[in-house]
Amino acid sequence: MSALAEDPRAVAAAAYLISAKASASGKDWPAPAVEGVLRAAIGAGGASVEDLLASGFAVATDPTAAAPSTIRRRARPTAPAGPAEPRCATCGRPETACRAANAKVPTNASHSFINAERGSR
């Protein structure tokens, strides 16, 4: 769960923004009703404020969505962040992308991967 989910101000702000977006689309979705939907989705687990805000904007502008309760069904859990792949000091690409790009160009136009953090190949 994101740190924002624990901050009631973040949930209230997201609800206000979604309510305003819905209002601009001709829907009457009061912010307290939207906030209740967001809190329920967060409480059910797997939904972050960031995901729900994006989903809420999509639902607010969707002409087939009649109520804010559809936000809950469209929210997708945030994937946990994995370890970051090292970047190349020469081109700035992640290691896999750097090696793949170098395989496509002639040897005289390619470079060796150098880990930007360690300065090693």
Protein backbone atom coordinates (compact mmCIF):
# COMPACT_ATOMS: atom_id res chain seq x y z
CA MET A 1 0.00 0.00 0.00
CA SER A 2 1.37 3.41 -0.85
CA ALA A 3 2.25 5.98 1.78
CA LEU A 4 -0.40 8.28 0.28
CA ALA A 5 -3.11 5.73 1.11
CA GLU A 6 -2.37 6.28 4.78
CA ASP A 7 -2.79 10.06 4.43
CA PRO A 8 -6.48 10.99 4.59
CA ARG A 9 -5.71 14.34 2.96
CA ALA A 10 -4.37 12.58 -0.15
CA VAL A 11 -7.53 10.49 -0.45
CA ALA A 12 -9.74 13.56 0.06
CA ALA A 13 -7.73 15.52 -2.53
CA ALA A 14 -8.00 12.69 -5.06
CA ALA A 15 -11.75 12.50 -4.43
CA TYR A 16 -12.08 16.25 -4.98
CA LEU A 17 -10.14 16.09 -8.27
CA ILE A 18 -12.18 13.14 -9.54
CA SER A 19 -15.42 14.88 -8.52
CA ALA A 20 -14.35 18.04 -10.39
CA LYS A 21 -13.42 16.00 -13.49
CA ALA A 22 -16.82 14.26 -13.37
CA SER A 23 -18.57 17.60 -12.95
CA ALA A 24 -16.78 18.92 -16.04
CA SER A 25 -18.16 15.87 -17.86
CA GLY A 26 -21.73 16.67 -16.76
CA LYS A 27 -21.94 14.18 -13.88
CA ASP A 28 -23.00 14.95 -10.33
CA TRP A 29 -20.52 13.00 -8.24
CA PRO A 30 -20.10 14.67 -4.83
CA ALA A 31 -16.56 14.48 -3.47
CA PRO A 32 -17.68 12.69 -0.23
CA ALA A 33 -19.28 9.90 -2.30
CA VAL A 34 -16.13 9.53 -4.41
CA GLU A 35 -14.00 9.54 -1.26
CA GLY A 36 -16.05 6.68 0.16
CA VAL A 37 -15.45 4.64 -2.99
CA LEU A 38 -11.71 5.38 -2.85
CA ARG A 39 -11.46 4.41 0.81
CA ALA A 40 -13.34 1.17 0.17
CA ALA A 41 -11.01 0.28 -2.73
CA ILE A 42 -7.94 1.06 -0.62
CA GLY A 43 -9.37 -0.88 2.34
CA ALA A 44 -10.00 -3.92 0.13
CA GLY A 45 -6.27 -3.95 -0.58
CA GLY A 46 -4.22 -3.72 -3.71
CA ALA A 47 -5.26 -0.23 -4.80
CA SER A 48 -3.16 2.88 -4.30
CA VAL A 49 -4.30 6.49 -4.37
CA GLU A 50 -2.22 6.99 -7.51
CA ASP A 51 -3.94 4.10 -9.31
CA LEU A 52 -7.36 5.19 -8.16
CA LEU A 53 -6.79 8.78 -9.25
CA ALA A 54 -5.87 7.63 -12.76
CA SER A 55 -8.80 5.22 -12.84
CA GLY A 56 -11.09 7.88 -11.41
CA PHE A 57 -10.20 10.32 -14.17
CA ALA A 58 -10.86 7.66 -16.80
CA VAL A 59 -14.21 6.73 -15.25
CA ALA A 60 -15.23 10.37 -14.74
CA THR A 61 -14.90 11.03 -18.47
CA ASP A 62 -16.40 7.69 -19.55
CA PRO A 63 -19.95 8.33 -20.80
CA THR A 64 -21.03 4.79 -19.82
CA ALA A 65 -20.00 5.19 -16.16
CA ALA A 66 -23.06 6.31 -14.25
CA ALA A 67 -21.68 6.24 -10.71
CA PRO A 68 -18.32 6.61 -8.96
CA SER A 69 -18.60 3.02 -7.72
CA THR A 70 -17.20 1.92 -11.09
CA ILE A 71 -13.83 3.33 -10.01
CA ARG A 72 -13.42 0.38 -7.69
CA ARG A 73 -13.78 -2.15 -10.50
CA ARG A 74 -11.28 -0.41 -12.73
CA ALA A 75 -8.49 0.07 -10.21
CA ARG A 76 -5.48 -2.15 -10.74
CA PRO A 77 -3.00 -2.96 -8.01
CA THR A 78 0.40 -1.35 -8.21
CA ALA A 79 3.15 -3.83 -8.99
CA PRO A 80 5.87 -3.88 -6.37
CA ALA A 81 9.03 -2.16 -7.53
CA GLY A 82 11.78 -4.59 -8.39
CA PRO A 83 15.49 -3.95 -8.29
CA ALA A 84 16.58 -1.38 -10.84
CA GLU A 85 18.69 -2.60 -13.71
CA PRO A 86 22.10 -0.91 -13.89
CA ARG A 87 22.45 1.82 -16.52
CA CYS A 88 25.21 2.23 -19.07
CA ALA A 89 27.60 5.11 -18.43
CA THR A 90 27.99 5.66 -22.18
CA CYS A 91 24.42 5.67 -23.53
CA GLY A 92 22.31 5.82 -20.34
CA ARG A 93 20.21 2.79 -21.28
CA PRO A 94 19.48 -0.10 -18.90
CA GLU A 95 22.01 -2.92 -19.40
CA THR A 96 19.63 -5.18 -21.34
CA ALA A 97 18.63 -2.39 -23.73
CA CYS A 98 22.24 -1.26 -24.17
CA ARG A 99 23.44 -4.75 -25.10
CA ALA A 100 20.45 -5.29 -27.43
CA ALA A 101 21.05 -1.96 -29.21
CA ASN A 102 24.76 -2.70 -29.60
CA ALA A 103 23.98 -6.08 -31.14
CA LYS A 104 22.09 -4.32 -33.95
CA VAL A 105 24.86 -1.96 -35.06
CA PRO A 106 28.27 -2.64 -36.65
CA THR A 107 31.12 -3.31 -34.24
CA ASN A 108 32.81 0.00 -35.05
CA ALA A 109 29.61 1.89 -34.09
CA SER A 110 28.92 0.02 -30.84
CA HIS A 111 30.34 0.40 -27.37
CA SER A 112 30.89 -1.88 -24.38
CA PHE A 113 28.44 -1.70 -21.50
CA ILE A 114 29.93 0.20 -18.57
CA ASN A 115 27.98 0.18 -15.32
CA ALA A 116 27.38 3.85 -14.52
CA GLU A 117 27.42 3.24 -10.77
CA ARG A 118 30.55 1.12 -10.58
CA GLY A 119 32.39 2.12 -13.73
CA SER A 120 32.86 -1.56 -14.61
CA ARG A 121 31.94 -3.61 -17.67
